[in-house]
Amino acid sequence: LDYSWTGKNPGVFSRVGTPFPFILDNRAYAVLGARFAIKDIPINDDVRGTVALFGRNLTDRRYSTASIDFGYLGTQNFPERRTMGVEAKVEF
């Protein structure tokens, strides 16, 4: 289980003369992830395997990590949404 929390931070370093002073602020957010793995699965004499299920941003939280104010245009960066998958590994 993986949990991380990030507090609110200003999206724009200089607020003087910007038309988007608080709209581009990055709000506080929390991200939850999980991973379940079965290791050391015997495949052959010297070959072992691992199978894992994983999930990132399980609550599907939409959050901004960075923003830029170009004076007349504001932009924000939004990381990936909920991601789930299967991972398989063979070691020999």
PDB file of N, CA and C in Angstrom:
ATOM      1  N   LEU A   1       0.853  -1.171   0.000  1.00  0.00           N
ATOM      2  CA  LEU A   1       0.000   0.000   0.000  1.00  0.00           C
ATOM      3  C   LEU A   1       0.901   1.237   0.000  1.00  0.00           C
ATOM      4  N   ASP A   2       0.556   2.228  -0.792  1.00  0.00           N
ATOM      5  CA  ASP A   2       1.372   3.428  -0.927  1.00  0.00           C
ATOM      6  C   ASP A   2       0.451   4.641  -0.855  1.00  0.00           C
ATOM      7  N   TYR A   3       0.780   5.590   0.020  1.00  0.00           N
ATOM      8  CA  TYR A   3      -0.018   6.801   0.182  1.00  0.00           C
ATOM      9  C   TYR A   3       0.924   7.993   0.258  1.00  0.00           C
ATOM     10  N   SER A   4       0.621   9.030  -0.498  1.00  0.00           N
ATOM     11  CA  SER A   4       1.422  10.247  -0.394  1.00  0.00           C
ATOM     12  C   SER A   4       0.505  11.466  -0.397  1.00  0.00           C
ATOM     13  N   TRP A   5       0.902  12.478   0.344  1.00  0.00           N
ATOM     14  CA  TRP A   5       0.130  13.712   0.446  1.00  0.00           C
ATOM     15  C   TRP A   5       1.057  14.886   0.158  1.00  0.00           C
ATOM     16  N   THR A   6       0.577  15.831  -0.633  1.00  0.00           N
ATOM     17  CA  THR A   6       1.335  17.040  -0.951  1.00  0.00           C
ATOM     18  C   THR A   6       0.462  18.244  -0.620  1.00  0.00           C
ATOM     19  N   GLY A   7       1.020  19.185   0.094  1.00  0.00           N
ATOM     20  CA  GLY A   7       0.277  20.378   0.484  1.00  0.00           C
ATOM     21  C   GLY A   7       0.143  21.382  -0.655  1.00  0.00           C
ATOM     22  N   LYS A   8      -0.691  22.375  -0.442  1.00  0.00           N
ATOM     23  CA  LYS A   8      -0.917  23.422  -1.438  1.00  0.00           C
ATOM     24  C   LYS A   8       0.381  24.184  -1.697  1.00  0.00           C
ATOM     25  N   ASN A   9       0.622  24.498  -2.963  1.00  0.00           N
ATOM     26  CA  ASN A   9       1.790  25.314  -3.292  1.00  0.00           C
ATOM     27  C   ASN A   9       1.424  26.286  -4.408  1.00  0.00           C
ATOM     28  N   PRO A  10       2.083  27.429  -4.434  1.00  0.00           N
ATOM     29  CA  PRO A  10       1.741  28.423  -5.456  1.00  0.00           C
ATOM     30  C   PRO A  10       2.164  27.958  -6.843  1.00  0.00           C
ATOM     31  N   GLY A  11       1.281  28.138  -7.784  1.00  0.00           N
ATOM     32  CA  GLY A  11       1.596  27.753  -9.148  1.00  0.00           C
ATOM     33  C   GLY A  11       2.413  28.812  -9.865  1.00  0.00           C
ATOM     34  N   VAL A  12       2.298  30.042  -9.404  1.00  0.00           N
ATOM     35  CA  VAL A  12       2.987  31.157 -10.051  1.00  0.00           C
ATOM     36  C   VAL A  12       3.919  31.781  -9.024  1.00  0.00           C
ATOM     37  N   PHE A  13       5.193  31.891  -9.348  1.00  0.00           N
ATOM     38  CA  PHE A  13       6.157  32.423  -8.394  1.00  0.00           C
ATOM     39  C   PHE A  13       6.028  33.930  -8.215  1.00  0.00           C
ATOM     40  N   SER A  14       5.707  34.641  -9.262  1.00  0.00           N
ATOM     41  CA  SER A  14       5.554  36.089  -9.188  1.00  0.00           C
ATOM     42  C   SER A  14       4.099  36.448  -9.446  1.00  0.00           C
ATOM     43  N   ARG A  15       3.432  37.046  -8.451  1.00  0.00           N
ATOM     44  CA  ARG A  15       2.013  37.369  -8.579  1.00  0.00           C
ATOM     45  C   ARG A  15       1.780  38.804  -9.063  1.00  0.00           C
ATOM     46  N   VAL A  16       2.809  39.551  -9.298  1.00  0.00           N
ATOM     47  CA  VAL A  16       2.666  40.948  -9.709  1.00  0.00           C
ATOM     48  C   VAL A  16       2.324  41.009 -11.196  1.00  0.00           C
ATOM     49  N   GLY A  17       1.194  41.584 -11.530  1.00  0.00           N
ATOM     50  CA  GLY A  17       0.807  41.792 -12.909  1.00  0.00           C
ATOM     51  C   GLY A  17       0.288  40.561 -13.622  1.00  0.00           C
ATOM     52  N   THR A  18       0.042  39.480 -12.901  1.00  0.00           N
ATOM     53  CA  THR A  18      -0.453  38.268 -13.549  1.00  0.00           C
ATOM     54  C   THR A  18      -1.986  38.242 -13.521  1.00  0.00           C
ATOM     55  N   PRO A  19      -2.642  37.896 -14.615  1.00  0.00           N
ATOM     56  CA  PRO A  19      -4.102  37.851 -14.629  1.00  0.00           C
ATOM     57  C   PRO A  19      -4.674  36.600 -13.957  1.00  0.00           C
ATOM     58  N   PHE A  20      -3.834  35.614 -13.646  1.00  0.00           N
ATOM     59  CA  PHE A  20      -4.300  34.366 -13.023  1.00  0.00           C
ATOM     60  C   PHE A  20      -3.624  34.139 -11.672  1.00  0.00           C
ATOM     61  N   PRO A  21      -3.710  35.072 -10.734  1.00  0.00           N
ATOM     62  CA  PRO A  21      -2.878  34.951  -9.529  1.00  0.00           C
ATOM     63  C   PRO A  21      -3.169  33.721  -8.680  1.00  0.00           C
ATOM     64  N   PHE A  22      -4.430  33.335  -8.512  1.00  0.00           N
ATOM     65  CA  PHE A  22      -4.741  32.210  -7.634  1.00  0.00           C
ATOM     66  C   PHE A  22      -5.364  31.041  -8.379  1.00  0.00           C
ATOM     67  N   ILE A  23      -5.778  31.250  -9.599  1.00  0.00           N
ATOM     68  CA  ILE A  23      -6.379  30.165 -10.377  1.00  0.00           C
ATOM     69  C   ILE A  23      -5.347  29.070 -10.651  1.00  0.00           C
ATOM     70  N   LEU A  24      -4.091  29.458 -10.813  1.00  0.00           N
ATOM     71  CA  LEU A  24      -3.049  28.487 -11.136  1.00  0.00           C
ATOM     72  C   LEU A  24      -2.373  27.885  -9.913  1.00  0.00           C
ATOM     73  N   ASP A  25      -2.868  28.175  -8.702  1.00  0.00           N
ATOM     74  CA  ASP A  25      -2.306  27.537  -7.510  1.00  0.00           C
ATOM     75  C   ASP A  25      -2.551  26.036  -7.572  1.00  0.00           C
ATOM     76  N   ASN A  26      -1.601  25.280  -7.078  1.00  0.00           N
ATOM     77  CA  ASN A  26      -1.737  23.825  -7.025  1.00  0.00           C
ATOM     78  C   ASN A  26      -2.311  23.449  -5.663  1.00  0.00           C
ATOM     79  N   ARG A  27      -3.519  22.897  -5.656  1.00  0.00           N
ATOM     80  CA  ARG A  27      -4.188  22.528  -4.405  1.00  0.00           C
ATOM     81  C   ARG A  27      -3.507  21.322  -3.763  1.00  0.00           C
ATOM     82  N   ALA A  28      -3.772  21.136  -2.472  1.00  0.00           N
ATOM     83  CA  ALA A  28      -3.265  19.958  -1.766  1.00  0.00           C
ATOM     84  C   ALA A  28      -3.938  18.714  -2.352  1.00  0.00           C
ATOM     85  N   TYR A  29      -3.202  17.608  -2.389  1.00  0.00           N
ATOM     86  CA  TYR A  29      -3.764  16.375  -2.926  1.00  0.00           C
ATOM     87  C   TYR A  29      -3.110  15.161  -2.273  1.00  0.00           C
ATOM     88  N   ALA A  30      -3.829  14.056  -2.308  1.00  0.00           N
ATOM     89  CA  ALA A  30      -3.326  12.778  -1.812  1.00  0.00           C
ATOM     90  C   ALA A  30      -3.469  11.751  -2.925  1.00  0.00           C
ATOM     91  N   VAL A  31      -2.495  10.856  -3.016  1.00  0.00           N
ATOM     92  CA  VAL A  31      -2.502   9.812  -4.039  1.00  0.00           C
ATOM     93  C   VAL A  31      -2.336   8.461  -3.346  1.00  0.00           C
ATOM     94  N   LEU A  32      -3.192   7.512  -3.717  1.00  0.00           N
ATOM     95  CA  LEU A  32      -3.176   6.180  -3.138  1.00  0.00           C
ATOM     96  C   LEU A  32      -2.798   5.158  -4.207  1.00  0.00           C
ATOM     97  N   GLY A  33      -1.884   4.271  -3.864  1.00  0.00           N
ATOM     98  CA  GLY A  33      -1.469   3.218  -4.782  1.00  0.00           C
ATOM     99  C   GLY A  33      -1.362   1.900  -4.041  1.00  0.00           C
ATOM    100  N   ALA A  34      -1.366   0.801  -4.777  1.00  0.00           N
ATOM    101  CA  ALA A  34      -1.249  -0.517  -4.161  1.00  0.00           C
ATOM    102  C   ALA A  34      -0.566  -1.473  -5.129  1.00  0.00           C
ATOM    103  N   ARG A  35       0.030  -2.522  -4.553  1.00  0.00           N
ATOM    104  CA  ARG A  35       0.683  -3.559  -5.352  1.00  0.00           C
ATOM    105  C   ARG A  35       0.569  -4.874  -4.592  1.00  0.00           C
ATOM    106  N   PHE A  36       0.163  -5.919  -5.303  1.00  0.00           N
ATOM    107  CA  PHE A  36       0.058  -7.259  -4.741  1.00  0.00           C
ATOM    108  C   PHE A  36       0.860  -8.189  -5.643  1.00  0.00           C
ATOM    109  N   ALA A  37       1.847  -8.891  -5.058  1.00  0.00           N
ATOM    110  CA  ALA A  37       2.733  -9.733  -5.876  1.00  0.00           C
ATOM    111  C   ALA A  37       2.844 -11.131  -5.289  1.00  0.00           C
ATOM    112  N   ILE A  38       2.956 -12.098  -6.176  1.00  0.00           N
ATOM    113  CA  ILE A  38       3.280 -13.469  -5.806  1.00  0.00           C
ATOM    114  C   ILE A  38       4.661 -13.733  -6.393  1.00  0.00           C
ATOM    115  N   LYS A  39       5.626 -14.017  -5.501  1.00  0.00           N
ATOM    116  CA  LYS A  39       7.019 -14.193  -5.924  1.00  0.00           C
ATOM    117  C   LYS A  39       7.439 -15.657  -5.854  1.00  0.00           C
ATOM    118  N   ASP A  40       8.586 -15.927  -6.459  1.00  0.00           N
ATOM    119  CA  ASP A  40       9.218 -17.253  -6.428  1.00  0.00           C
ATOM    120  C   ASP A  40       8.284 -18.364  -6.900  1.00  0.00           C
ATOM    121  N   ILE A  41       7.616 -18.146  -8.003  1.00  0.00           N
ATOM    122  CA  ILE A  41       6.774 -19.177  -8.607  1.00  0.00           C
ATOM    123  C   ILE A  41       7.702 -20.114  -9.382  1.00  0.00           C
ATOM    124  N   PRO A  42       7.747 -21.393  -9.019  1.00  0.00           N
ATOM    125  CA  PRO A  42       8.656 -22.308  -9.725  1.00  0.00           C
ATOM    126  C   PRO A  42       8.155 -22.585 -11.145  1.00  0.00           C
ATOM    127  N   ILE A  43       9.028 -22.366 -12.126  1.00  0.00           N
ATOM    128  CA  ILE A  43       8.687 -22.627 -13.523  1.00  0.00           C
ATOM    129  C   ILE A  43       9.491 -23.826 -14.020  1.00  0.00           C
ATOM    130  N   ASN A  44      10.782 -23.847 -13.736  1.00  0.00           N
ATOM    131  CA  ASN A  44      11.704 -24.922 -14.083  1.00  0.00           C
ATOM    132  C   ASN A  44      12.654 -25.112 -12.916  1.00  0.00           C
ATOM    133  N   ASP A  45      13.709 -25.905 -13.125  1.00  0.00           N
ATOM    134  CA  ASP A  45      14.683 -26.127 -12.052  1.00  0.00           C
ATOM    135  C   ASP A  45      15.339 -24.833 -11.594  1.00  0.00           C
ATOM    136  N   ASP A  46      15.829 -24.039 -12.558  1.00  0.00           N
ATOM    137  CA  ASP A  46      16.532 -22.804 -12.218  1.00  0.00           C
ATOM    138  C   ASP A  46      15.747 -21.545 -12.571  1.00  0.00           C
ATOM    139  N   VAL A  47      14.520 -21.699 -12.956  1.00  0.00           N
ATOM    140  CA  VAL A  47      13.720 -20.559 -13.423  1.00  0.00           C
ATOM    141  C   VAL A  47      12.602 -20.279 -12.426  1.00  0.00           C
ATOM    142  N   ARG A  48      12.512 -19.019 -12.042  1.00  0.00           N
ATOM    143  CA  ARG A  48      11.475 -18.566 -11.110  1.00  0.00           C
ATOM    144  C   ARG A  48      10.692 -17.433 -11.751  1.00  0.00           C
ATOM    145  N   GLY A  49       9.465 -17.246 -11.300  1.00  0.00           N
ATOM    146  CA  GLY A  49       8.637 -16.186 -11.856  1.00  0.00           C
ATOM    147  C   GLY A  49       7.965 -15.350 -10.773  1.00  0.00           C
ATOM    148  N   THR A  50       7.500 -14.187 -11.183  1.00  0.00           N
ATOM    149  CA  THR A  50       6.762 -13.275 -10.312  1.00  0.00           C
ATOM    150  C   THR A  50       5.588 -12.705 -11.097  1.00  0.00           C
ATOM    151  N   VAL A  51       4.441 -12.640 -10.465  1.00  0.00           N
ATOM    152  CA  VAL A  51       3.256 -12.017 -11.058  1.00  0.00           C
ATOM    153  C   VAL A  51       2.745 -10.982 -10.063  1.00  0.00           C
ATOM    154  N   ALA A  52       2.444  -9.776 -10.557  1.00  0.00           N
ATOM    155  CA  ALA A  52       1.995  -8.701  -9.670  1.00  0.00           C
ATOM    156  C   ALA A  52       0.840  -7.930 -10.298  1.00  0.00           C
ATOM    157  N   LEU A  53      -0.084  -7.503  -9.461  1.00  0.00           N
ATOM    158  CA  LEU A  53      -1.145  -6.575  -9.841  1.00  0.00           C
ATOM    159  C   LEU A  53      -0.799  -5.244  -9.192  1.00  0.00           C
ATOM    160  N   PHE A  54      -0.960  -4.145  -9.931  1.00  0.00           N
ATOM    161  CA  PHE A  54      -0.631  -2.852  -9.343  1.00  0.00           C
ATOM    162  C   PHE A  54      -1.681  -1.817  -9.731  1.00  0.00           C
ATOM    163  N   GLY A  55      -1.749  -0.779  -8.927  1.00  0.00           N
ATOM    164  CA  GLY A  55      -2.637   0.342  -9.207  1.00  0.00           C
ATOM    165  C   GLY A  55      -2.027   1.622  -8.678  1.00  0.00           C
ATOM    166  N   ARG A  56      -2.119   2.684  -9.463  1.00  0.00           N
ATOM    167  CA  ARG A  56      -1.642   4.003  -9.046  1.00  0.00           C
ATOM    168  C   ARG A  56      -2.801   4.989  -9.142  1.00  0.00           C
ATOM    169  N   ASN A  57      -2.840   5.941  -8.238  1.00  0.00           N
ATOM    170  CA  ASN A  57      -3.914   6.935  -8.180  1.00  0.00           C
ATOM    171  C   ASN A  57      -5.273   6.226  -8.177  1.00  0.00           C
ATOM    172  N   LEU A  58      -5.443   5.295  -7.245  1.00  0.00           N
ATOM    173  CA  LEU A  58      -6.645   4.465  -7.195  1.00  0.00           C
ATOM    174  C   LEU A  58      -7.928   5.252  -6.943  1.00  0.00           C
ATOM    175  N   THR A  59      -7.829   6.401  -6.311  1.00  0.00           N
ATOM    176  CA  THR A  59      -9.022   7.224  -6.078  1.00  0.00           C
ATOM    177  C   THR A  59      -9.345   8.098  -7.283  1.00  0.00           C
ATOM    178  N   ASP A  60      -8.546   8.005  -8.333  1.00  0.00           N
ATOM    179  CA  ASP A  60      -8.710   8.764  -9.578  1.00  0.00           C
ATOM    180  C   ASP A  60      -8.769  10.265  -9.322  1.00  0.00           C
ATOM    181  N   ARG A  61      -7.893  10.718  -8.459  1.00  0.00           N
ATOM    182  CA  ARG A  61      -7.824  12.140  -8.102  1.00  0.00           C
ATOM    183  C   ARG A  61      -7.195  12.923  -9.250  1.00  0.00           C
ATOM    184  N   ARG A  62      -7.849  13.998  -9.666  1.00  0.00           N
ATOM    185  CA  ARG A  62      -7.295  14.885 -10.693  1.00  0.00           C
ATOM    186  C   ARG A  62      -6.608  16.041  -9.979  1.00  0.00           C
ATOM    187  N   TYR A  63      -5.305  16.169 -10.161  1.00  0.00           N
ATOM    188  CA  TYR A  63      -4.546  17.189  -9.443  1.00  0.00           C
ATOM    189  C   TYR A  63      -3.496  17.792 -10.359  1.00  0.00           C
ATOM    190  N   SER A  64      -3.083  18.984 -10.011  1.00  0.00           N
ATOM    191  CA  SER A  64      -2.076  19.698 -10.792  1.00  0.00           C
ATOM    192  C   SER A  64      -0.769  19.716 -10.012  1.00  0.00           C
ATOM    193  N   THR A  65       0.331  19.454 -10.703  1.00  0.00           N
ATOM    194  CA  THR A  65       1.632  19.473 -10.041  1.00  0.00           C
ATOM    195  C   THR A  65       2.480  20.680 -10.418  1.00  0.00           C
ATOM    196  N   ALA A  66       2.155  21.331 -11.513  1.00  0.00           N
ATOM    197  CA  ALA A  66       2.926  22.489 -11.952  1.00  0.00           C
ATOM    198  C   ALA A  66       2.043  23.377 -12.819  1.00  0.00           C
ATOM    199  N   SER A  67       2.320  24.659 -12.812  1.00  0.00           N
ATOM    200  CA  SER A  67       1.566  25.591 -13.652  1.00  0.00           C
ATOM    201  C   SER A  67       2.469  26.739 -14.065  1.00  0.00           C
ATOM    202  N   ILE A  68       2.136  27.319 -15.203  1.00  0.00           N
ATOM    203  CA  ILE A  68       2.914  28.435 -15.736  1.00  0.00           C
ATOM    204  C   ILE A  68       1.946  29.519 -16.183  1.00  0.00           C
ATOM    205  N   ASP A  69       2.262  30.753 -15.853  1.00  0.00           N
ATOM    206  CA  ASP A  69       1.468  31.894 -16.302  1.00  0.00           C
ATOM    207  C   ASP A  69       2.310  32.654 -17.327  1.00  0.00           C
ATOM    208  N   PHE A  70       1.861  32.661 -18.572  1.00  0.00           N
ATOM    209  CA  PHE A  70       2.578  33.359 -19.637  1.00  0.00           C
ATOM    210  C   PHE A  70       2.126  34.812 -19.765  1.00  0.00           C
ATOM    211  N   GLY A  71       1.323  35.283 -18.820  1.00  0.00           N
ATOM    212  CA  GLY A  71       0.852  36.660 -18.858  1.00  0.00           C
ATOM    213  C   GLY A  71      -0.526  36.770 -19.469  1.00  0.00           C
ATOM    214  N   TYR A  72      -0.764  36.152 -20.569  1.00  0.00           N
ATOM    215  CA  TYR A  72      -2.071  36.181 -21.240  1.00  0.00           C
ATOM    216  C   TYR A  72      -2.659  34.764 -21.349  1.00  0.00           C
ATOM    217  N   LEU A  73      -1.875  33.759 -20.985  1.00  0.00           N
ATOM    218  CA  LEU A  73      -2.284  32.374 -21.106  1.00  0.00           C
ATOM    219  C   LEU A  73      -1.746  31.601 -19.911  1.00  0.00           C
ATOM    220  N   GLY A  74      -2.613  30.839 -19.269  1.00  0.00           N
ATOM    221  CA  GLY A  74      -2.184  30.011 -18.146  1.00  0.00           C
ATOM    222  C   GLY A  74      -2.253  28.540 -18.525  1.00  0.00           C
ATOM    223  N   THR A  75      -1.322  27.752 -18.020  1.00  0.00           N
ATOM    224  CA  THR A  75      -1.294  26.322 -18.323  1.00  0.00           C
ATOM    225  C   THR A  75      -0.952  25.536 -17.062  1.00  0.00           C
ATOM    226  N   GLN A  76      -1.488  24.321 -16.954  1.00  0.00           N
ATOM    227  CA  GLN A  76      -1.209  23.459 -15.809  1.00  0.00           C
ATOM    228  C   GLN A  76      -0.844  22.062 -16.287  1.00  0.00           C
ATOM    229  N   ASN A  77      -0.061  21.350 -15.464  1.00  0.00           N
ATOM    230  CA  ASN A  77       0.333  19.977 -15.752  1.00  0.00           C
ATOM    231  C   ASN A  77      -0.472  19.037 -14.864  1.00  0.00           C
ATOM    232  N   PHE A  78      -1.187  18.093 -15.474  1.00  0.00           N
ATOM    233  CA  PHE A  78      -1.969  17.104 -14.740  1.00  0.00           C
ATOM    234  C   PHE A  78      -1.369  15.723 -14.977  1.00  0.00           C
ATOM    235  N   PRO A  79      -0.847  15.060 -13.923  1.00  0.00           N
ATOM    236  CA  PRO A  79      -0.278  13.716 -14.078  1.00  0.00           C
ATOM    237  C   PRO A  79      -1.341  12.687 -14.467  1.00  0.00           C
ATOM    238  N   GLU A  80      -0.880  11.455 -14.662  1.00  0.00           N
ATOM    239  CA  GLU A  80      -1.777  10.403 -15.139  1.00  0.00           C
ATOM    240  C   GLU A  80      -2.931  10.127 -14.175  1.00  0.00           C
ATOM    241  N   ARG A  81      -4.043   9.716 -14.750  1.00  0.00           N
ATOM    242  CA  ARG A  81      -5.229   9.368 -13.964  1.00  0.00           C
ATOM    243  C   ARG A  81      -5.056   7.955 -13.408  1.00  0.00           C
ATOM    244  N   ARG A  82      -6.133   7.332 -12.974  1.00  0.00           N
ATOM    245  CA  ARG A  82      -6.051   5.990 -12.403  1.00  0.00           C
ATOM    246  C   ARG A  82      -5.388   5.043 -13.408  1.00  0.00           C
ATOM    247  N   THR A  83      -4.421   4.288 -12.920  1.00  0.00           N
ATOM    248  CA  THR A  83      -3.697   3.332 -13.759  1.00  0.00           C
ATOM    249  C   THR A  83      -3.660   1.991 -13.040  1.00  0.00           C
ATOM    250  N   MET A  84      -4.054   0.929 -13.739  1.00  0.00           N
ATOM    251  CA  MET A  84      -4.000  -0.413 -13.168  1.00  0.00           C
ATOM    252  C   MET A  84      -3.365  -1.352 -14.184  1.00  0.00           C
ATOM    253  N   GLY A  85      -2.690  -2.385 -13.701  1.00  0.00           N
ATOM    254  CA  GLY A  85      -2.074  -3.296 -14.638  1.00  0.00           C
ATOM    255  C   GLY A  85      -1.561  -4.569 -13.984  1.00  0.00           C
ATOM    256  N   VAL A  86      -1.004  -5.411 -14.822  1.00  0.00           N
ATOM    257  CA  VAL A  86      -0.418  -6.687 -14.409  1.00  0.00           C
ATOM    258  C   VAL A  86       1.041  -6.685 -14.868  1.00  0.00           C
ATOM    259  N   GLU A  87       1.907  -7.158 -14.013  1.00  0.00           N
ATOM    260  CA  GLU A  87       3.328  -7.249 -14.335  1.00  0.00           C
ATOM    261  C   GLU A  87       3.785  -8.694 -14.139  1.00  0.00           C
ATOM    262  N   ALA A  88       4.508  -9.210 -15.087  1.00  0.00           N
ATOM    263  CA  ALA A  88       5.043 -10.565 -14.988  1.00  0.00           C
ATOM    264  C   ALA A  88       6.551 -10.520 -15.213  1.00  0.00           C
ATOM    265  N   LYS A  89       7.275 -11.324 -14.445  1.00  0.00           N
ATOM    266  CA  LYS A  89       8.737 -11.333 -14.556  1.00  0.00           C
ATOM    267  C   LYS A  89       9.239 -12.776 -14.433  1.00  0.00           C
ATOM    268  N   VAL A  90      10.207 -13.103 -15.278  1.00  0.00           N
ATOM    269  CA  VAL A  90      10.836 -14.423 -15.226  1.00  0.00           C
ATOM    270  C   VAL A  90      12.325 -14.221 -14.967  1.00  0.00           C
ATOM    271  N   GLU A  91      12.850 -14.927 -13.991  1.00  0.00           N
ATOM    272  CA  GLU A  91      14.273 -14.841 -13.646  1.00  0.00           C
ATOM    273  C   GLU A  91      14.927 -16.206 -13.873  1.00  0.00           C
ATOM    274  N   PHE A  92      16.055 -16.198 -14.583  1.00  0.00           N
ATOM    275  CA  PHE A  92      16.780 -17.455 -14.820  1.00  0.00           C
ATOM    276  C   PHE A  92      18.263 -17.231 -14.717  1.00  0.00           C
TER     277      PHE A  92
END
